[in-house]
Amino acid sequence: MSIVKVFMDGKTFEMEVDKDTTILEKAMDEDIDIPFSCQSGICTSCIGKLVEGDVEMEVNDGLSDDEIKDGYVLCCQSFPRSEKIIIEID
C-alpha cells in the first residue's frame, strides 16, 4: 500500500493506493476530481509531475521522452511502486 498525495487546484488530497490500482482509479473512488478523458494513456488529460516516489506506467505513448525524463506521469496509467508518492497536477 502506498500513500499518494496529489496537489491540485491549491488543495492537497491524500489517499492509500494498492499496487494493482492506478492513481486515477483510486482518485475516482475517493471523489477526487483529477482531469481525465480517454483512460488509456493517449490524451494526456491526467498528466501530473511526479515530485516524489516511483510509479510504473503501463502505457505512456502520450508523453514525449523529455516529459518522461522531467518526471511527468499519466495518472490513468500510474501504479504506485513506492511507499510515498507526491504528484502535482496543474
N, C-alpha and C. Protein backbone atom coordinates (compact mmCIF):
# COMPACT_ATOMS: atom_id res chain seq x y z
N MET A 1 0.84 -1.18 0.00
CA MET A 1 0.00 0.00 0.00
C MET A 1 0.89 1.24 0.00
N SER A 2 0.51 2.23 -0.79
CA SER A 2 1.26 3.48 -0.90
C SER A 2 0.39 4.64 -0.43
N ILE A 3 1.03 5.61 0.16
CA ILE A 3 0.36 6.87 0.48
C ILE A 3 0.65 7.81 -0.68
N VAL A 4 -0.42 8.25 -1.35
CA VAL A 4 -0.29 9.13 -2.51
C VAL A 4 -0.88 10.49 -2.16
N LYS A 5 -0.07 11.53 -2.30
CA LYS A 5 -0.54 12.90 -2.12
C LYS A 5 -0.61 13.55 -3.49
N VAL A 6 -1.73 14.18 -3.75
CA VAL A 6 -1.93 14.89 -5.01
C VAL A 6 -2.17 16.35 -4.68
N PHE A 7 -1.34 17.23 -5.24
CA PHE A 7 -1.52 18.67 -5.11
C PHE A 7 -2.20 19.16 -6.38
N MET A 8 -3.39 19.76 -6.22
CA MET A 8 -4.16 20.18 -7.38
C MET A 8 -5.11 21.31 -6.97
N ASP A 9 -5.16 22.35 -7.78
CA ASP A 9 -6.06 23.48 -7.55
C ASP A 9 -5.91 24.08 -6.15
N GLY A 10 -4.67 24.15 -5.66
CA GLY A 10 -4.40 24.75 -4.35
C GLY A 10 -4.80 23.87 -3.18
N LYS A 11 -5.16 22.63 -3.44
CA LYS A 11 -5.56 21.70 -2.38
C LYS A 11 -4.64 20.49 -2.39
N THR A 12 -4.60 19.81 -1.25
CA THR A 12 -3.84 18.58 -1.12
C THR A 12 -4.81 17.44 -0.83
N PHE A 13 -4.70 16.39 -1.60
CA PHE A 13 -5.52 15.20 -1.41
C PHE A 13 -4.59 14.05 -1.06
N GLU A 14 -4.98 13.23 -0.10
CA GLU A 14 -4.16 12.09 0.30
C GLU A 14 -5.01 10.83 0.26
N MET A 15 -4.43 9.76 -0.27
CA MET A 15 -5.16 8.50 -0.37
C MET A 15 -4.19 7.33 -0.30
N GLU A 16 -4.70 6.19 0.13
CA GLU A 16 -3.93 4.95 0.13
C GLU A 16 -4.26 4.20 -1.15
N VAL A 17 -3.23 3.82 -1.89
CA VAL A 17 -3.43 3.16 -3.19
C VAL A 17 -2.63 1.86 -3.19
N ASP A 18 -3.31 0.75 -3.54
CA ASP A 18 -2.57 -0.51 -3.61
C ASP A 18 -1.85 -0.63 -4.95
N LYS A 19 -0.94 -1.57 -5.04
CA LYS A 19 -0.05 -1.67 -6.21
C LYS A 19 -0.75 -2.08 -7.49
N ASP A 20 -1.98 -2.58 -7.39
CA ASP A 20 -2.72 -3.02 -8.58
C ASP A 20 -3.80 -2.04 -9.03
N THR A 21 -3.81 -0.84 -8.44
CA THR A 21 -4.80 0.19 -8.75
C THR A 21 -4.08 1.43 -9.25
N THR A 22 -4.57 2.02 -10.34
CA THR A 22 -3.93 3.25 -10.80
C THR A 22 -4.31 4.41 -9.89
N ILE A 23 -3.50 5.43 -9.93
CA ILE A 23 -3.76 6.61 -9.12
C ILE A 23 -5.08 7.25 -9.53
N LEU A 24 -5.37 7.28 -10.82
CA LEU A 24 -6.65 7.84 -11.28
C LEU A 24 -7.84 7.01 -10.78
N GLU A 25 -7.74 5.68 -10.86
CA GLU A 25 -8.84 4.83 -10.39
C GLU A 25 -9.16 5.11 -8.93
N LYS A 26 -8.12 5.18 -8.10
CA LYS A 26 -8.34 5.43 -6.66
C LYS A 26 -8.88 6.83 -6.44
N ALA A 27 -8.38 7.80 -7.18
CA ALA A 27 -8.89 9.17 -7.04
C ALA A 27 -10.37 9.22 -7.38
N MET A 28 -10.78 8.52 -8.42
CA MET A 28 -12.20 8.49 -8.78
C MET A 28 -13.02 7.84 -7.66
N ASP A 29 -12.50 6.77 -7.05
CA ASP A 29 -13.18 6.12 -5.93
C ASP A 29 -13.33 7.07 -4.74
N GLU A 30 -12.36 7.97 -4.58
CA GLU A 30 -12.35 8.91 -3.45
C GLU A 30 -13.02 10.25 -3.79
N ASP A 31 -13.64 10.34 -4.96
CA ASP A 31 -14.27 11.58 -5.43
C ASP A 31 -13.29 12.74 -5.54
N ILE A 32 -12.05 12.43 -5.93
CA ILE A 32 -11.04 13.46 -6.20
C ILE A 32 -11.08 13.68 -7.71
N ASP A 33 -11.31 14.91 -8.10
CA ASP A 33 -11.63 15.24 -9.50
C ASP A 33 -10.38 15.50 -10.34
N ILE A 34 -9.51 14.48 -10.48
CA ILE A 34 -8.37 14.59 -11.38
C ILE A 34 -8.91 14.62 -12.81
N PRO A 35 -8.46 15.57 -13.63
CA PRO A 35 -8.95 15.61 -15.00
C PRO A 35 -8.54 14.35 -15.77
N PHE A 36 -9.43 13.85 -16.60
CA PHE A 36 -9.12 12.70 -17.43
C PHE A 36 -10.08 12.66 -18.60
N SER A 37 -9.75 11.87 -19.59
CA SER A 37 -10.62 11.67 -20.74
C SER A 37 -10.58 10.22 -21.17
N CYS A 38 -9.52 9.82 -21.86
CA CYS A 38 -9.50 8.50 -22.51
C CYS A 38 -9.23 7.33 -21.58
N GLN A 39 -8.50 7.54 -20.50
CA GLN A 39 -8.07 6.50 -19.55
C GLN A 39 -7.21 5.41 -20.19
N SER A 40 -6.63 5.71 -21.35
CA SER A 40 -5.79 4.70 -22.00
C SER A 40 -4.37 5.19 -22.26
N GLY A 41 -3.99 6.34 -21.72
CA GLY A 41 -2.63 6.82 -21.83
C GLY A 41 -2.31 7.59 -23.10
N ILE A 42 -3.33 8.03 -23.81
CA ILE A 42 -3.11 8.72 -25.09
C ILE A 42 -3.37 10.22 -25.00
N CYS A 43 -4.45 10.62 -24.34
CA CYS A 43 -4.90 12.03 -24.41
C CYS A 43 -4.09 12.99 -23.54
N THR A 44 -3.44 12.52 -22.52
CA THR A 44 -2.63 13.28 -21.55
C THR A 44 -3.44 14.24 -20.68
N SER A 45 -4.74 14.10 -20.61
CA SER A 45 -5.56 14.96 -19.73
C SER A 45 -5.18 14.80 -18.27
N CYS A 46 -4.72 13.61 -17.88
CA CYS A 46 -4.42 13.32 -16.48
C CYS A 46 -2.94 13.46 -16.14
N ILE A 47 -2.21 14.23 -16.92
CA ILE A 47 -0.76 14.39 -16.71
C ILE A 47 -0.49 15.09 -15.38
N GLY A 48 0.54 14.63 -14.71
CA GLY A 48 0.99 15.25 -13.47
C GLY A 48 2.49 15.12 -13.35
N LYS A 49 3.06 15.94 -12.49
CA LYS A 49 4.51 15.90 -12.26
C LYS A 49 4.78 15.06 -11.01
N LEU A 50 5.55 14.00 -11.18
CA LEU A 50 5.93 13.15 -10.07
C LEU A 50 7.05 13.85 -9.30
N VAL A 51 6.72 14.33 -8.11
CA VAL A 51 7.66 15.09 -7.29
C VAL A 51 8.47 14.17 -6.39
N GLU A 52 7.82 13.10 -5.94
CA GLU A 52 8.49 12.15 -5.04
C GLU A 52 7.91 10.76 -5.26
N GLY A 53 8.76 9.76 -5.16
CA GLY A 53 8.31 8.37 -5.25
C GLY A 53 8.48 7.79 -6.64
N ASP A 54 7.96 6.57 -6.78
CA ASP A 54 8.07 5.83 -8.04
C ASP A 54 6.71 5.28 -8.44
N VAL A 55 6.43 5.34 -9.73
CA VAL A 55 5.25 4.71 -10.30
C VAL A 55 5.68 3.90 -11.52
N GLU A 56 4.84 2.97 -11.90
CA GLU A 56 5.05 2.21 -13.13
C GLU A 56 3.88 2.51 -14.05
N MET A 57 4.19 2.98 -15.26
CA MET A 57 3.14 3.27 -16.24
C MET A 57 3.06 2.13 -17.24
N GLU A 58 1.86 1.60 -17.44
CA GLU A 58 1.68 0.55 -18.44
C GLU A 58 1.81 1.12 -19.85
N VAL A 59 1.23 2.31 -20.06
CA VAL A 59 1.28 2.97 -21.36
C VAL A 59 1.67 4.42 -21.12
N ASN A 60 2.59 4.93 -21.91
CA ASN A 60 2.97 6.34 -21.80
C ASN A 60 3.13 6.96 -23.18
N ASP A 61 2.39 6.44 -24.15
CA ASP A 61 2.50 6.91 -25.53
C ASP A 61 2.21 8.39 -25.70
N GLY A 62 1.38 8.96 -24.82
CA GLY A 62 1.03 10.36 -24.94
C GLY A 62 2.11 11.31 -24.47
N LEU A 63 3.14 10.80 -23.82
CA LEU A 63 4.21 11.63 -23.28
C LEU A 63 5.44 11.58 -24.18
N SER A 64 6.10 12.71 -24.30
CA SER A 64 7.37 12.74 -25.04
C SER A 64 8.48 12.19 -24.14
N ASP A 65 9.60 11.85 -24.73
CA ASP A 65 10.75 11.37 -23.96
C ASP A 65 11.20 12.43 -22.96
N ASP A 66 11.17 13.71 -23.37
CA ASP A 66 11.57 14.80 -22.47
C ASP A 66 10.61 14.92 -21.29
N GLU A 67 9.31 14.77 -21.53
CA GLU A 67 8.34 14.83 -20.43
C GLU A 67 8.59 13.70 -19.43
N ILE A 68 8.84 12.52 -19.93
CA ILE A 68 9.13 11.38 -19.05
C ILE A 68 10.40 11.65 -18.25
N LYS A 69 11.44 12.14 -18.93
CA LYS A 69 12.71 12.45 -18.27
C LYS A 69 12.52 13.52 -17.20
N ASP A 70 11.60 14.48 -17.44
CA ASP A 70 11.34 15.56 -16.50
C ASP A 70 10.40 15.15 -15.36
N GLY A 71 9.94 13.90 -15.36
CA GLY A 71 9.16 13.39 -14.25
C GLY A 71 7.65 13.43 -14.42
N TYR A 72 7.19 13.65 -15.64
CA TYR A 72 5.74 13.68 -15.84
C TYR A 72 5.20 12.27 -15.99
N VAL A 73 3.99 12.07 -15.44
CA VAL A 73 3.33 10.76 -15.49
C VAL A 73 1.88 10.95 -15.88
N LEU A 74 1.28 9.88 -16.34
CA LEU A 74 -0.15 9.86 -16.63
C LEU A 74 -0.83 9.12 -15.48
N CYS A 75 -1.70 9.81 -14.76
CA CYS A 75 -2.33 9.20 -13.57
C CYS A 75 -3.17 7.98 -13.93
N CYS A 76 -3.72 7.95 -15.14
CA CYS A 76 -4.55 6.81 -15.55
C CYS A 76 -3.74 5.54 -15.79
N GLN A 77 -2.44 5.68 -15.92
CA GLN A 77 -1.56 4.55 -16.20
C GLN A 77 -0.55 4.30 -15.10
N SER A 78 -0.61 5.09 -14.03
CA SER A 78 0.43 5.05 -12.99
C SER A 78 0.02 4.17 -11.81
N PHE A 79 0.79 3.09 -11.63
CA PHE A 79 0.62 2.19 -10.50
C PHE A 79 1.71 2.51 -9.48
N PRO A 80 1.36 2.66 -8.20
CA PRO A 80 2.36 3.01 -7.18
C PRO A 80 3.41 1.92 -7.01
N ARG A 81 4.66 2.35 -6.88
CA ARG A 81 5.76 1.42 -6.68
C ARG A 81 6.69 1.86 -5.54
N SER A 82 6.24 2.81 -4.73
CA SER A 82 6.99 3.21 -3.54
C SER A 82 5.98 3.52 -2.43
N GLU A 83 6.47 3.59 -1.19
CA GLU A 83 5.58 3.81 -0.05
C GLU A 83 4.93 5.19 -0.07
N LYS A 84 5.66 6.18 -0.56
CA LYS A 84 5.15 7.56 -0.57
C LYS A 84 5.30 8.12 -1.98
N ILE A 85 4.23 8.74 -2.46
CA ILE A 85 4.22 9.33 -3.80
C ILE A 85 3.59 10.71 -3.70
N ILE A 86 4.22 11.68 -4.34
CA ILE A 86 3.66 13.04 -4.42
C ILE A 86 3.58 13.43 -5.89
N ILE A 87 2.39 13.89 -6.29
CA ILE A 87 2.15 14.31 -7.67
C ILE A 87 1.51 15.70 -7.67
N GLU A 88 2.03 16.57 -8.52
CA GLU A 88 1.44 17.90 -8.72
C GLU A 88 0.71 17.91 -10.05
N ILE A 89 -0.54 18.37 -10.02
CA ILE A 89 -1.33 18.47 -11.24
C ILE A 89 -1.70 19.94 -11.43
N ASP A 90 -1.35 20.49 -12.61
CA ASP A 90 -1.67 21.90 -12.89
C ASP A 90 -3.09 22.05 -13.38
